[in-house]
mmCIF file of all heavy atoms, coordinates in Angstrom:
data_MODEL
# 
_entry.id   MODEL 
# 
loop_
_atom_site.group_PDB 
_atom_site.id 
_atom_site.type_symbol 
_atom_site.label_atom_id 
_atom_site.label_alt_id 
_atom_site.label_comp_id 
_atom_site.label_asym_id 
_atom_site.label_entity_id 
_atom_site.label_seq_id 
_atom_site.pdbx_PDB_ins_code 
_atom_site.Cartn_x 
_atom_site.Cartn_y 
_atom_site.Cartn_z 
_atom_site.occupancy 
_atom_site.B_iso_or_equiv 
_atom_site.pdbx_formal_charge 
_atom_site.auth_seq_id 
_atom_site.auth_comp_id 
_atom_site.auth_asym_id 
_atom_site.auth_atom_id 
_atom_site.pdbx_PDB_model_num 
ATOM 1   N N   . ILE A 1 1  ? 13.431 -82.995 -26.962 1.00 0.00 ? 1  ILE A N   1 
ATOM 2   C CA  . ILE A 1 1  ? 14.758 -83.004 -27.563 1.00 0.00 ? 1  ILE A CA  1 
ATOM 3   C C   . ILE A 1 1  ? 15.431 -84.347 -27.270 1.00 0.00 ? 1  ILE A C   1 
ATOM 4   O O   . ILE A 1 1  ? 15.651 -84.701 -26.095 1.00 0.00 ? 1  ILE A O   1 
ATOM 5   C CB  . ILE A 1 1  ? 15.623 -81.850 -27.028 1.00 0.00 ? 1  ILE A CB  1 
ATOM 6   C CG1 . ILE A 1 1  ? 14.858 -80.518 -27.143 1.00 0.00 ? 1  ILE A CG1 1 
ATOM 7   C CG2 . ILE A 1 1  ? 16.944 -81.790 -27.758 1.00 0.00 ? 1  ILE A CG2 1 
ATOM 8   C CD1 . ILE A 1 1  ? 14.465 -80.147 -28.544 1.00 0.00 ? 1  ILE A CD1 1 
ATOM 9   N N   . GLN A 1 2  ? 15.765 -85.108 -28.334 1.00 0.00 ? 2  GLN A N   1 
ATOM 10  C CA  . GLN A 1 2  ? 16.306 -86.456 -28.159 1.00 0.00 ? 2  GLN A CA  1 
ATOM 11  C C   . GLN A 1 2  ? 17.725 -86.620 -28.694 1.00 0.00 ? 2  GLN A C   1 
ATOM 12  O O   . GLN A 1 2  ? 18.262 -87.716 -28.687 1.00 0.00 ? 2  GLN A O   1 
ATOM 13  C CB  . GLN A 1 2  ? 15.382 -87.467 -28.863 1.00 0.00 ? 2  GLN A CB  1 
ATOM 14  C CG  . GLN A 1 2  ? 13.955 -87.449 -28.341 1.00 0.00 ? 2  GLN A CG  1 
ATOM 15  C CD  . GLN A 1 2  ? 13.054 -88.433 -29.089 1.00 0.00 ? 2  GLN A CD  1 
ATOM 16  O OE1 . GLN A 1 2  ? 13.548 -89.335 -29.752 1.00 0.00 ? 2  GLN A OE1 1 
ATOM 17  N NE2 . GLN A 1 2  ? 11.753 -88.251 -28.972 1.00 0.00 ? 2  GLN A NE2 1 
ATOM 18  N N   . THR A 1 3  ? 18.338 -85.534 -29.141 1.00 0.00 ? 3  THR A N   1 
ATOM 19  C CA  . THR A 1 3  ? 19.684 -85.670 -29.701 1.00 0.00 ? 3  THR A CA  1 
ATOM 20  C C   . THR A 1 3  ? 20.404 -84.328 -29.633 1.00 0.00 ? 3  THR A C   1 
ATOM 21  O O   . THR A 1 3  ? 19.801 -83.309 -29.289 1.00 0.00 ? 3  THR A O   1 
ATOM 22  C CB  . THR A 1 3  ? 19.629 -86.150 -31.163 1.00 0.00 ? 3  THR A CB  1 
ATOM 23  O OG1 . THR A 1 3  ? 20.947 -86.344 -31.658 1.00 0.00 ? 3  THR A OG1 1 
ATOM 24  C CG2 . THR A 1 3  ? 18.923 -85.129 -32.040 1.00 0.00 ? 3  THR A CG2 1 
ATOM 25  N N   . LYS A 1 4  ? 21.697 -84.349 -29.949 1.00 0.00 ? 4  LYS A N   1 
ATOM 26  C CA  . LYS A 1 4  ? 22.501 -83.135 -29.999 1.00 0.00 ? 4  LYS A CA  1 
ATOM 27  C C   . LYS A 1 4  ? 22.619 -82.654 -31.439 1.00 0.00 ? 4  LYS A C   1 
ATOM 28  O O   . LYS A 1 4  ? 22.279 -83.370 -32.379 1.00 0.00 ? 4  LYS A O   1 
ATOM 29  C CB  . LYS A 1 4  ? 23.900 -83.377 -29.415 1.00 0.00 ? 4  LYS A CB  1 
ATOM 30  C CG  . LYS A 1 4  ? 23.906 -83.679 -27.926 1.00 0.00 ? 4  LYS A CG  1 
ATOM 31  C CD  . LYS A 1 4  ? 25.347 -83.846 -27.437 1.00 0.00 ? 4  LYS A CD  1 
ATOM 32  C CE  . LYS A 1 4  ? 25.379 -84.084 -25.928 1.00 0.00 ? 4  LYS A CE  1 
ATOM 33  N NZ  . LYS A 1 4  ? 26.766 -84.223 -25.426 1.00 0.00 ? 4  LYS A NZ  1 
ATOM 34  N N   . LEU A 1 5  ? 23.151 -81.446 -31.588 1.00 0.00 ? 5  LEU A N   1 
ATOM 35  C CA  . LEU A 1 5  ? 23.367 -80.879 -32.919 1.00 0.00 ? 5  LEU A CA  1 
ATOM 36  C C   . LEU A 1 5  ? 24.802 -80.387 -33.049 1.00 0.00 ? 5  LEU A C   1 
ATOM 37  O O   . LEU A 1 5  ? 25.402 -79.911 -32.078 1.00 0.00 ? 5  LEU A O   1 
ATOM 38  C CB  . LEU A 1 5  ? 22.434 -79.690 -33.156 1.00 0.00 ? 5  LEU A CB  1 
ATOM 39  C CG  . LEU A 1 5  ? 20.988 -79.999 -33.546 1.00 0.00 ? 5  LEU A CG  1 
ATOM 40  C CD1 . LEU A 1 5  ? 20.206 -78.692 -33.646 1.00 0.00 ? 5  LEU A CD1 1 
ATOM 41  C CD2 . LEU A 1 5  ? 20.914 -80.751 -34.851 1.00 0.00 ? 5  LEU A CD2 1 
ATOM 42  N N   . LYS A 1 6  ? 25.345 -80.502 -34.278 1.00 0.00 ? 6  LYS A N   1 
ATOM 43  C CA  . LYS A 1 6  ? 26.631 -79.887 -34.554 1.00 0.00 ? 6  LYS A CA  1 
ATOM 44  C C   . LYS A 1 6  ? 26.473 -78.364 -34.530 1.00 0.00 ? 6  LYS A C   1 
ATOM 45  O O   . LYS A 1 6  ? 25.395 -77.832 -34.774 1.00 0.00 ? 6  LYS A O   1 
ATOM 46  C CB  . LYS A 1 6  ? 27.159 -80.328 -35.921 1.00 0.00 ? 6  LYS A CB  1 
ATOM 47  C CG  . LYS A 1 6  ? 27.527 -81.802 -35.990 1.00 0.00 ? 6  LYS A CG  1 
ATOM 48  C CD  . LYS A 1 6  ? 28.051 -82.152 -37.383 1.00 0.00 ? 6  LYS A CD  1 
ATOM 49  C CE  . LYS A 1 6  ? 28.438 -83.633 -37.466 1.00 0.00 ? 6  LYS A CE  1 
ATOM 50  N NZ  . LYS A 1 6  ? 28.933 -84.000 -38.820 1.00 0.00 ? 6  LYS A NZ  1 
ATOM 51  N N   . MET A 1 7  ? 27.582 -77.685 -34.266 1.00 0.00 ? 7  MET A N   1 
ATOM 52  C CA  . MET A 1 7  ? 27.529 -76.228 -34.119 1.00 0.00 ? 7  MET A CA  1 
ATOM 53  C C   . MET A 1 7  ? 26.953 -75.559 -35.363 1.00 0.00 ? 7  MET A C   1 
ATOM 54  O O   . MET A 1 7  ? 26.093 -74.693 -35.294 1.00 0.00 ? 7  MET A O   1 
ATOM 55  C CB  . MET A 1 7  ? 28.920 -75.675 -33.828 1.00 0.00 ? 7  MET A CB  1 
ATOM 56  C CG  . MET A 1 7  ? 28.930 -74.168 -33.575 1.00 0.00 ? 7  MET A CG  1 
ATOM 57  S SD  . MET A 1 7  ? 30.551 -73.438 -33.665 1.00 0.00 ? 7  MET A SD  1 
ATOM 58  C CE  . MET A 1 7  ? 30.849 -73.527 -35.424 1.00 0.00 ? 7  MET A CE  1 
ATOM 59  N N   . GLU A 1 8  ? 27.452 -75.953 -36.563 1.00 0.00 ? 8  GLU A N   1 
ATOM 60  C CA  . GLU A 1 8  ? 27.017 -75.298 -37.796 1.00 0.00 ? 8  GLU A CA  1 
ATOM 61  C C   . GLU A 1 8  ? 25.525 -75.483 -38.007 1.00 0.00 ? 8  GLU A C   1 
ATOM 62  O O   . GLU A 1 8  ? 24.822 -74.557 -38.407 1.00 0.00 ? 8  GLU A O   1 
ATOM 63  C CB  . GLU A 1 8  ? 27.788 -75.872 -38.983 1.00 0.00 ? 8  GLU A CB  1 
ATOM 64  C CG  . GLU A 1 8  ? 27.390 -75.231 -40.322 1.00 0.00 ? 8  GLU A CG  1 
ATOM 65  C CD  . GLU A 1 8  ? 28.157 -75.819 -41.495 1.00 0.00 ? 8  GLU A CD  1 
ATOM 66  O OE1 . GLU A 1 8  ? 28.852 -76.825 -41.296 1.00 0.00 ? 8  GLU A OE1 1 
ATOM 67  O OE2 . GLU A 1 8  ? 28.041 -75.275 -42.591 1.00 0.00 ? 8  GLU A OE2 1 
ATOM 68  N N   . GLN A 1 9  ? 25.018 -76.721 -37.712 1.00 0.00 ? 9  GLN A N   1 
ATOM 69  C CA  . GLN A 1 9  ? 23.599 -76.976 -37.909 1.00 0.00 ? 9  GLN A CA  1 
ATOM 70  C C   . GLN A 1 9  ? 22.760 -76.303 -36.832 1.00 0.00 ? 9  GLN A C   1 
ATOM 71  O O   . GLN A 1 9  ? 21.608 -75.928 -37.068 1.00 0.00 ? 9  GLN A O   1 
ATOM 72  C CB  . GLN A 1 9  ? 23.349 -78.485 -37.929 1.00 0.00 ? 9  GLN A CB  1 
ATOM 73  C CG  . GLN A 1 9  ? 24.032 -79.195 -39.100 1.00 0.00 ? 9  GLN A CG  1 
ATOM 74  C CD  . GLN A 1 9  ? 23.924 -80.704 -39.023 1.00 0.00 ? 9  GLN A CD  1 
ATOM 75  O OE1 . GLN A 1 9  ? 23.441 -81.257 -38.039 1.00 0.00 ? 9  GLN A OE1 1 
ATOM 76  N NE2 . GLN A 1 9  ? 24.377 -81.373 -40.069 1.00 0.00 ? 9  GLN A NE2 1 
ATOM 77  N N   . ALA A 1 10 ? 23.333 -76.106 -35.644 1.00 0.00 ? 10 ALA A N   1 
ATOM 78  C CA  . ALA A 1 10 ? 22.585 -75.511 -34.539 1.00 0.00 ? 10 ALA A CA  1 
ATOM 79  C C   . ALA A 1 10 ? 22.204 -74.059 -34.840 1.00 0.00 ? 10 ALA A C   1 
ATOM 80  O O   . ALA A 1 10 ? 21.098 -73.619 -34.533 1.00 0.00 ? 10 ALA A O   1 
ATOM 81  C CB  . ALA A 1 10 ? 23.402 -75.585 -33.255 1.00 0.00 ? 10 ALA A CB  1 
ATOM 82  N N   . ILE A 1 11 ? 23.098 -73.304 -35.450 1.00 0.00 ? 11 ILE A N   1 
ATOM 83  C CA  . ILE A 1 11 ? 22.785 -71.885 -35.712 1.00 0.00 ? 11 ILE A CA  1 
ATOM 84  C C   . ILE A 1 11 ? 21.654 -71.756 -36.738 1.00 0.00 ? 11 ILE A C   1 
ATOM 85  O O   . ILE A 1 11 ? 20.773 -70.918 -36.613 1.00 0.00 ? 11 ILE A O   1 
ATOM 86  C CB  . ILE A 1 11 ? 24.042 -71.107 -36.172 1.00 0.00 ? 11 ILE A CB  1 
ATOM 87  C CG1 . ILE A 1 11 ? 23.730 -69.613 -36.178 1.00 0.00 ? 11 ILE A CG1 1 
ATOM 88  C CG2 . ILE A 1 11 ? 24.524 -71.537 -37.540 1.00 0.00 ? 11 ILE A CG2 1 
ATOM 89  C CD1 . ILE A 1 11 ? 24.948 -68.751 -36.333 1.00 0.00 ? 11 ILE A CD1 1 
ATOM 90  N N   . TYR A 1 12 ? 21.657 -72.668 -37.740 1.00 0.00 ? 12 TYR A N   1 
ATOM 91  C CA  . TYR A 1 12 ? 20.576 -72.616 -38.727 1.00 0.00 ? 12 TYR A CA  1 
ATOM 92  C C   . TYR A 1 12 ? 19.247 -73.022 -38.090 1.00 0.00 ? 12 TYR A C   1 
ATOM 93  O O   . TYR A 1 12 ? 18.210 -72.402 -38.342 1.00 0.00 ? 12 TYR A O   1 
ATOM 94  C CB  . TYR A 1 12 ? 20.901 -73.542 -39.901 1.00 0.00 ? 12 TYR A CB  1 
ATOM 95  C CG  . TYR A 1 12 ? 22.193 -73.192 -40.613 1.00 0.00 ? 12 TYR A CG  1 
ATOM 96  C CD1 . TYR A 1 12 ? 23.083 -74.171 -41.030 1.00 0.00 ? 12 TYR A CD1 1 
ATOM 97  C CD2 . TYR A 1 12 ? 22.522 -71.866 -40.866 1.00 0.00 ? 12 TYR A CD2 1 
ATOM 98  C CE1 . TYR A 1 12 ? 24.265 -73.845 -41.668 1.00 0.00 ? 12 TYR A CE1 1 
ATOM 99  C CE2 . TYR A 1 12 ? 23.704 -71.525 -41.502 1.00 0.00 ? 12 TYR A CE2 1 
ATOM 100 C CZ  . TYR A 1 12 ? 24.573 -72.522 -41.898 1.00 0.00 ? 12 TYR A CZ  1 
ATOM 101 O OH  . TYR A 1 12 ? 25.733 -72.205 -42.531 1.00 0.00 ? 12 TYR A OH  1 
ATOM 102 N N   . CYS A 1 13 ? 19.278 -74.082 -37.234 1.00 0.00 ? 13 CYS A N   1 
ATOM 103 C CA  . CYS A 1 13 ? 18.050 -74.508 -36.552 1.00 0.00 ? 13 CYS A CA  1 
ATOM 104 C C   . CYS A 1 13 ? 17.541 -73.410 -35.615 1.00 0.00 ? 13 CYS A C   1 
ATOM 105 O O   . CYS A 1 13 ? 16.334 -73.193 -35.495 1.00 0.00 ? 13 CYS A O   1 
ATOM 106 C CB  . CYS A 1 13 ? 18.295 -75.794 -35.777 1.00 0.00 ? 13 CYS A CB  1 
ATOM 107 S SG  . CYS A 1 13 ? 18.557 -77.244 -36.827 1.00 0.00 ? 13 CYS A SG  1 
ATOM 108 N N   . GLY A 1 14 ? 18.473 -72.725 -34.939 1.00 0.00 ? 14 GLY A N   1 
ATOM 109 C CA  . GLY A 1 14 ? 18.073 -71.642 -34.054 1.00 0.00 ? 14 GLY A CA  1 
ATOM 110 C C   . GLY A 1 14 ? 17.356 -70.527 -34.801 1.00 0.00 ? 14 GLY A C   1 
ATOM 111 O O   . GLY A 1 14 ? 16.343 -70.001 -34.341 1.00 0.00 ? 14 GLY A O   1 
ATOM 112 N N   . LEU A 1 15 ? 17.897 -70.135 -35.969 1.00 0.00 ? 15 LEU A N   1 
ATOM 113 C CA  . LEU A 1 15 ? 17.251 -69.098 -36.773 1.00 0.00 ? 15 LEU A CA  1 
ATOM 114 C C   . LEU A 1 15 ? 15.876 -69.554 -37.267 1.00 0.00 ? 15 LEU A C   1 
ATOM 115 O O   . LEU A 1 15 ? 14.920 -68.777 -37.301 1.00 0.00 ? 15 LEU A O   1 
ATOM 116 C CB  . LEU A 1 15 ? 18.141 -68.720 -37.960 1.00 0.00 ? 15 LEU A CB  1 
ATOM 117 C CG  . LEU A 1 15 ? 19.391 -67.900 -37.610 1.00 0.00 ? 15 LEU A CG  1 
ATOM 118 C CD1 . LEU A 1 15 ? 20.327 -67.836 -38.805 1.00 0.00 ? 15 LEU A CD1 1 
ATOM 119 C CD2 . LEU A 1 15 ? 19.023 -66.507 -37.158 1.00 0.00 ? 15 LEU A CD2 1 
ATOM 120 N N   . ILE A 1 16 ? 15.791 -70.850 -37.664 1.00 0.00 ? 16 ILE A N   1 
ATOM 121 C CA  . ILE A 1 16 ? 14.507 -71.387 -38.140 1.00 0.00 ? 16 ILE A CA  1 
ATOM 122 C C   . ILE A 1 16 ? 13.465 -71.341 -37.028 1.00 0.00 ? 16 ILE A C   1 
ATOM 123 O O   . ILE A 1 16 ? 12.336 -70.875 -37.210 1.00 0.00 ? 16 ILE A O   1 
ATOM 124 C CB  . ILE A 1 16 ? 14.699 -72.828 -38.656 1.00 0.00 ? 16 ILE A CB  1 
ATOM 125 C CG1 . ILE A 1 16 ? 15.476 -72.812 -39.983 1.00 0.00 ? 16 ILE A CG1 1 
ATOM 126 C CG2 . ILE A 1 16 ? 13.355 -73.521 -38.838 1.00 0.00 ? 16 ILE A CG2 1 
ATOM 127 C CD1 . ILE A 1 16 ? 15.895 -74.174 -40.465 1.00 0.00 ? 16 ILE A CD1 1 
ATOM 128 N N   . ILE A 1 17 ? 13.829 -71.807 -35.829 1.00 0.00 ? 17 ILE A N   1 
ATOM 129 C CA  . ILE A 1 17 ? 12.888 -71.831 -34.709 1.00 0.00 ? 17 ILE A CA  1 
ATOM 130 C C   . ILE A 1 17 ? 12.483 -70.408 -34.322 1.00 0.00 ? 17 ILE A C   1 
ATOM 131 O O   . ILE A 1 17 ? 11.315 -70.127 -34.037 1.00 0.00 ? 17 ILE A O   1 
ATOM 132 C CB  . ILE A 1 17 ? 13.513 -72.579 -33.514 1.00 0.00 ? 17 ILE A CB  1 
ATOM 133 C CG1 . ILE A 1 17 ? 13.541 -74.088 -33.824 1.00 0.00 ? 17 ILE A CG1 1 
ATOM 134 C CG2 . ILE A 1 17 ? 12.734 -72.322 -32.230 1.00 0.00 ? 17 ILE A CG2 1 
ATOM 135 C CD1 . ILE A 1 17 ? 14.206 -74.913 -32.770 1.00 0.00 ? 17 ILE A CD1 1 
ATOM 136 N N   . ASN A 1 18 ? 13.434 -69.500 -34.320 1.00 0.00 ? 18 ASN A N   1 
ATOM 137 C CA  . ASN A 1 18 ? 13.132 -68.100 -33.995 1.00 0.00 ? 18 ASN A CA  1 
ATOM 138 C C   . ASN A 1 18 ? 12.072 -67.546 -34.940 1.00 0.00 ? 18 ASN A C   1 
ATOM 139 O O   . ASN A 1 18 ? 11.113 -66.898 -34.517 1.00 0.00 ? 18 ASN A O   1 
ATOM 140 C CB  . ASN A 1 18 ? 14.408 -67.267 -34.068 1.00 0.00 ? 18 ASN A CB  1 
ATOM 141 C CG  . ASN A 1 18 ? 14.143 -65.794 -33.779 1.00 0.00 ? 18 ASN A CG  1 
ATOM 142 O OD1 . ASN A 1 18 ? 13.949 -65.388 -32.647 1.00 0.00 ? 18 ASN A OD1 1 
ATOM 143 N ND2 . ASN A 1 18 ? 14.118 -64.981 -34.825 1.00 0.00 ? 18 ASN A ND2 1 
ATOM 144 N N   . GLU A 1 19 ? 12.242 -67.797 -36.276 1.00 0.00 ? 19 GLU A N   1 
ATOM 145 C CA  . GLU A 1 19 ? 11.288 -67.268 -37.253 1.00 0.00 ? 19 GLU A CA  1 
ATOM 146 C C   . GLU A 1 19 ? 9.899  -67.902 -37.087 1.00 0.00 ? 19 GLU A C   1 
ATOM 147 O O   . GLU A 1 19 ? 8.880  -67.206 -37.094 1.00 0.00 ? 19 GLU A O   1 
ATOM 148 C CB  . GLU A 1 19 ? 11.806 -67.516 -38.674 1.00 0.00 ? 19 GLU A CB  1 
ATOM 149 C CG  . GLU A 1 19 ? 13.080 -66.779 -39.031 1.00 0.00 ? 19 GLU A CG  1 
ATOM 150 C CD  . GLU A 1 19 ? 12.915 -65.279 -38.982 1.00 0.00 ? 19 GLU A CD  1 
ATOM 151 O OE1 . GLU A 1 19 ? 11.819 -64.798 -39.285 1.00 0.00 ? 19 GLU A OE1 1 
ATOM 152 O OE2 . GLU A 1 19 ? 13.882 -64.584 -38.614 1.00 0.00 ? 19 GLU A OE2 1 
ATOM 153 N N   . LEU A 1 20 ? 9.862  -69.257 -36.934 1.00 0.00 ? 20 LEU A N   1 
ATOM 154 C CA  . LEU A 1 20 ? 8.574  -69.948 -36.905 1.00 0.00 ? 20 LEU A CA  1 
ATOM 155 C C   . LEU A 1 20 ? 7.806  -69.682 -35.608 1.00 0.00 ? 20 LEU A C   1 
ATOM 156 O O   . LEU A 1 20 ? 6.600  -69.469 -35.620 1.00 0.00 ? 20 LEU A O   1 
ATOM 157 C CB  . LEU A 1 20 ? 8.792  -71.455 -37.103 1.00 0.00 ? 20 LEU A CB  1 
ATOM 158 C CG  . LEU A 1 20 ? 9.368  -71.853 -38.475 1.00 0.00 ? 20 LEU A CG  1 
ATOM 159 C CD1 . LEU A 1 20 ? 9.584  -73.348 -38.547 1.00 0.00 ? 20 LEU A CD1 1 
ATOM 160 C CD2 . LEU A 1 20 ? 8.457  -71.387 -39.602 1.00 0.00 ? 20 LEU A CD2 1 
ATOM 161 N N   . VAL A 1 21 ? 8.508  -69.680 -34.470 1.00 0.00 ? 21 VAL A N   1 
ATOM 162 C CA  . VAL A 1 21 ? 7.830  -69.408 -33.201 1.00 0.00 ? 21 VAL A CA  1 
ATOM 163 C C   . VAL A 1 21 ? 7.338  -67.958 -33.164 1.00 0.00 ? 21 VAL A C   1 
ATOM 164 O O   . VAL A 1 21 ? 6.251  -67.670 -32.680 1.00 0.00 ? 21 VAL A O   1 
ATOM 165 C CB  . VAL A 1 21 ? 8.781  -69.713 -32.023 1.00 0.00 ? 21 VAL A CB  1 
ATOM 166 C CG1 . VAL A 1 21 ? 8.165  -69.235 -30.712 1.00 0.00 ? 21 VAL A CG1 1 
ATOM 167 C CG2 . VAL A 1 21 ? 9.060  -71.209 -31.950 1.00 0.00 ? 21 VAL A CG2 1 
ATOM 168 N N   . THR A 1 22 ? 8.138  -67.047 -33.700 1.00 0.00 ? 22 THR A N   1 
ATOM 169 C CA  . THR A 1 22 ? 7.702  -65.643 -33.779 1.00 0.00 ? 22 THR A CA  1 
ATOM 170 C C   . THR A 1 22 ? 6.426  -65.518 -34.610 1.00 0.00 ? 22 THR A C   1 
ATOM 171 O O   . THR A 1 22 ? 5.492  -64.798 -34.242 1.00 0.00 ? 22 THR A O   1 
ATOM 172 C CB  . THR A 1 22 ? 8.814  -64.768 -34.390 1.00 0.00 ? 22 THR A CB  1 
ATOM 173 O OG1 . THR A 1 22 ? 9.968  -64.821 -33.546 1.00 0.00 ? 22 THR A OG1 1 
ATOM 174 C CG2 . THR A 1 22 ? 8.362  -63.326 -34.523 1.00 0.00 ? 22 THR A CG2 1 
ATOM 175 N N   . ASN A 1 23 ? 6.381  -66.245 -35.766 1.00 0.00 ? 23 ASN A N   1 
ATOM 176 C CA  . ASN A 1 23 ? 5.167  -66.229 -36.602 1.00 0.00 ? 23 ASN A CA  1 
ATOM 177 C C   . ASN A 1 23 ? 3.970  -66.763 -35.829 1.00 0.00 ? 23 ASN A C   1 
ATOM 178 O O   . ASN A 1 23 ? 2.860  -66.239 -35.934 1.00 0.00 ? 23 ASN A O   1 
ATOM 179 C CB  . ASN A 1 23 ? 5.395  -67.050 -37.864 1.00 0.00 ? 23 ASN A CB  1 
ATOM 180 C CG  . ASN A 1 23 ? 6.154  -66.273 -38.914 1.00 0.00 ? 23 ASN A CG  1 
ATOM 181 O OD1 . ASN A 1 23 ? 6.348  -65.075 -38.781 1.00 0.00 ? 23 ASN A OD1 1 
ATOM 182 N ND2 . ASN A 1 23 ? 6.599  -66.935 -39.955 1.00 0.00 ? 23 ASN A ND2 1 
ATOM 183 N N   . SER A 1 24 ? 4.183  -67.852 -35.037 1.00 0.00 ? 24 SER A N   1 
ATOM 184 C CA  . SER A 1 24 ? 3.081  -68.404 -34.252 1.00 0.00 ? 24 SER A CA  1 
ATOM 185 C C   . SER A 1 24 ? 2.573  -67.396 -33.232 1.00 0.00 ? 24 SER A C   1 
ATOM 186 O O   . SER A 1 24 ? 1.371  -67.207 -33.065 1.00 0.00 ? 24 SER A O   1 
ATOM 187 C CB  . SER A 1 24 ? 3.536  -69.687 -33.554 1.00 0.00 ? 24 SER A CB  1 
ATOM 188 O OG  . SER A 1 24 ? 3.819  -70.707 -34.481 1.00 0.00 ? 24 SER A OG  1 
ATOM 189 N N   . PHE A 1 25 ? 3.493  -66.738 -32.538 1.00 0.00 ? 25 PHE A N   1 
ATOM 190 C CA  . PHE A 1 25 ? 3.085  -65.728 -31.554 1.00 0.00 ? 25 PHE A CA  1 
ATOM 191 C C   . PHE A 1 25 ? 2.302  -64.601 -32.210 1.00 0.00 ? 25 PHE A C   1 
ATOM 192 O O   . PHE A 1 25 ? 1.349  -64.063 -31.641 1.00 0.00 ? 25 PHE A O   1 
ATOM 193 C CB  . PHE A 1 25 ? 4.320  -65.167 -30.834 1.00 0.00 ? 25 PHE A CB  1 
ATOM 194 C CG  . PHE A 1 25 ? 4.698  -65.947 -29.593 1.00 0.00 ? 25 PHE A CG  1 
ATOM 195 C CD1 . PHE A 1 25 ? 5.395  -67.148 -29.691 1.00 0.00 ? 25 PHE A CD1 1 
ATOM 196 C CD2 . PHE A 1 25 ? 4.360  -65.472 -28.339 1.00 0.00 ? 25 PHE A CD2 1 
ATOM 197 C CE1 . PHE A 1 25 ? 5.749  -67.851 -28.562 1.00 0.00 ? 25 PHE A CE1 1 
ATOM 198 C CE2 . PHE A 1 25 ? 4.710  -66.181 -27.205 1.00 0.00 ? 25 PHE A CE2 1 
ATOM 199 C CZ  . PHE A 1 25 ? 5.409  -67.373 -27.303 1.00 0.00 ? 25 PHE A CZ  1 
ATOM 200 N N   . LYS A 1 26 ? 2.731  -64.202 -33.431 1.00 0.00 ? 26 LYS A N   1 
ATOM 201 C CA  . LYS A 1 26 ? 2.097  -63.071 -34.100 1.00 0.00 ? 26 LYS A CA  1 
ATOM 202 C C   . LYS A 1 26 ? 0.715  -63.430 -34.659 1.00 0.00 ? 26 LYS A C   1 
ATOM 203 O O   . LYS A 1 26 ? -0.229 -62.647 -34.547 1.00 0.00 ? 26 LYS A O   1 
ATOM 204 C CB  . LYS A 1 26 ? 2.986  -62.572 -35.236 1.00 0.00 ? 26 LYS A CB  1 
ATOM 205 C CG  . LYS A 1 26 ? 4.190  -61.764 -34.795 1.00 0.00 ? 26 LYS A CG  1 
ATOM 206 C CD  . LYS A 1 26 ? 4.960  -61.279 -36.024 1.00 0.00 ? 26 LYS A CD  1 
ATOM 207 C CE  . LYS A 1 26 ? 6.127  -60.402 -35.647 1.00 0.00 ? 26 LYS A CE  1 
ATOM 208 N NZ  . LYS A 1 26 ? 6.878  -59.963 -36.842 1.00 0.00 ? 26 LYS A NZ  1 
ATOM 209 N N   . TYR A 1 27 ? 0.631  -64.586 -35.323 1.00 0.00 ? 27 TYR A N   1 
ATOM 210 C CA  . TYR A 1 27 ? -0.532 -64.825 -36.173 1.00 0.00 ? 27 TYR A CA  1 
ATOM 211 C C   . TYR A 1 27 ? -1.387 -66.044 -35.805 1.00 0.00 ? 27 TYR A C   1 
ATOM 212 O O   . TYR A 1 27 ? -2.527 -66.150 -36.245 1.00 0.00 ? 27 TYR A O   1 
ATOM 213 C CB  . TYR A 1 27 ? -0.079 -64.990 -37.632 1.00 0.00 ? 27 TYR A CB  1 
ATOM 214 C CG  . TYR A 1 27 ? 0.830  -63.919 -38.124 1.00 0.00 ? 27 TYR A CG  1 
ATOM 215 C CD1 . TYR A 1 27 ? 2.150  -64.176 -38.475 1.00 0.00 ? 27 TYR A CD1 1 
ATOM 216 C CD2 . TYR A 1 27 ? 0.386  -62.603 -38.230 1.00 0.00 ? 27 TYR A CD2 1 
ATOM 217 C CE1 . TYR A 1 27 ? 3.001  -63.184 -38.922 1.00 0.00 ? 27 TYR A CE1 1 
ATOM 218 C CE2 . TYR A 1 27 ? 1.233  -61.595 -38.676 1.00 0.00 ? 27 TYR A CE2 1 
ATOM 219 C CZ  . TYR A 1 27 ? 2.534  -61.892 -39.012 1.00 0.00 ? 27 TYR A CZ  1 
ATOM 220 O OH  . TYR A 1 27 ? 3.371  -60.922 -39.458 1.00 0.00 ? 27 TYR A OH  1 
ATOM 221 N N   . ALA A 1 28 ? -0.863 -66.996 -35.027 1.00 0.00 ? 28 ALA A N   1 
ATOM 222 C CA  . ALA A 1 28 ? -1.551 -68.287 -34.888 1.00 0.00 ? 28 ALA A CA  1 
ATOM 223 C C   . ALA A 1 28 ? -2.702 -68.246 -33.895 1.00 0.00 ? 28 ALA A C   1 
ATOM 224 O O   . ALA A 1 28 ? -3.679 -68.967 -34.054 1.00 0.00 ? 28 ALA A O   1 
ATOM 225 C CB  . ALA A 1 28 ? -0.547 -69.373 -34.490 1.00 0.00 ? 28 ALA A CB  1 
ATOM 226 N N   . PHE A 1 29 ? -2.617 -67.400 -32.869 1.00 0.00 ? 29 PHE A N   1 
ATOM 227 C CA  . PHE A 1 29 ? -3.574 -67.483 -31.765 1.00 0.00 ? 29 PHE A CA  1 
ATOM 228 C C   . PHE A 1 29 ? -4.351 -66.175 -31.648 1.00 0.00 ? 29 PHE A C   1 
ATOM 229 O O   . PHE A 1 29 ? -3.802 -65.143 -31.234 1.00 0.00 ? 29 PHE A O   1 
ATOM 230 C CB  . PHE A 1 29 ? -2.845 -67.788 -30.455 1.00 0.00 ? 29 PHE A CB  1 
ATOM 231 C CG  . PHE A 1 29 ? -1.944 -68.991 -30.540 1.00 0.00 ? 29 PHE A CG  1 
ATOM 232 C CD1 . PHE A 1 29 ? -0.557 -68.832 -30.591 1.00 0.00 ? 29 PHE A CD1 1 
ATOM 233 C CD2 . PHE A 1 29 ? -2.461 -70.279 -30.594 1.00 0.00 ? 29 PHE A CD2 1 
ATOM 234 C CE1 . PHE A 1 29 ? 0.282  -69.922 -30.669 1.00 0.00 ? 29 PHE A CE1 1 
ATOM 235 C CE2 . PHE A 1 29 ? -1.628 -71.371 -30.674 1.00 0.00 ? 29 PHE A CE2 1 
ATOM 236 C CZ  . PHE A 1 29 ? -0.250 -71.216 -30.721 1.00 0.00 ? 29 PHE A CZ  1 
# 
């Protein structure tokens, strides 16, 4: 992590990371 995020953008990034990491845990390995 090399920078900060604005509040509005942080919630969208959080939801994106939650979905993608969950997919990795479920299906990638």
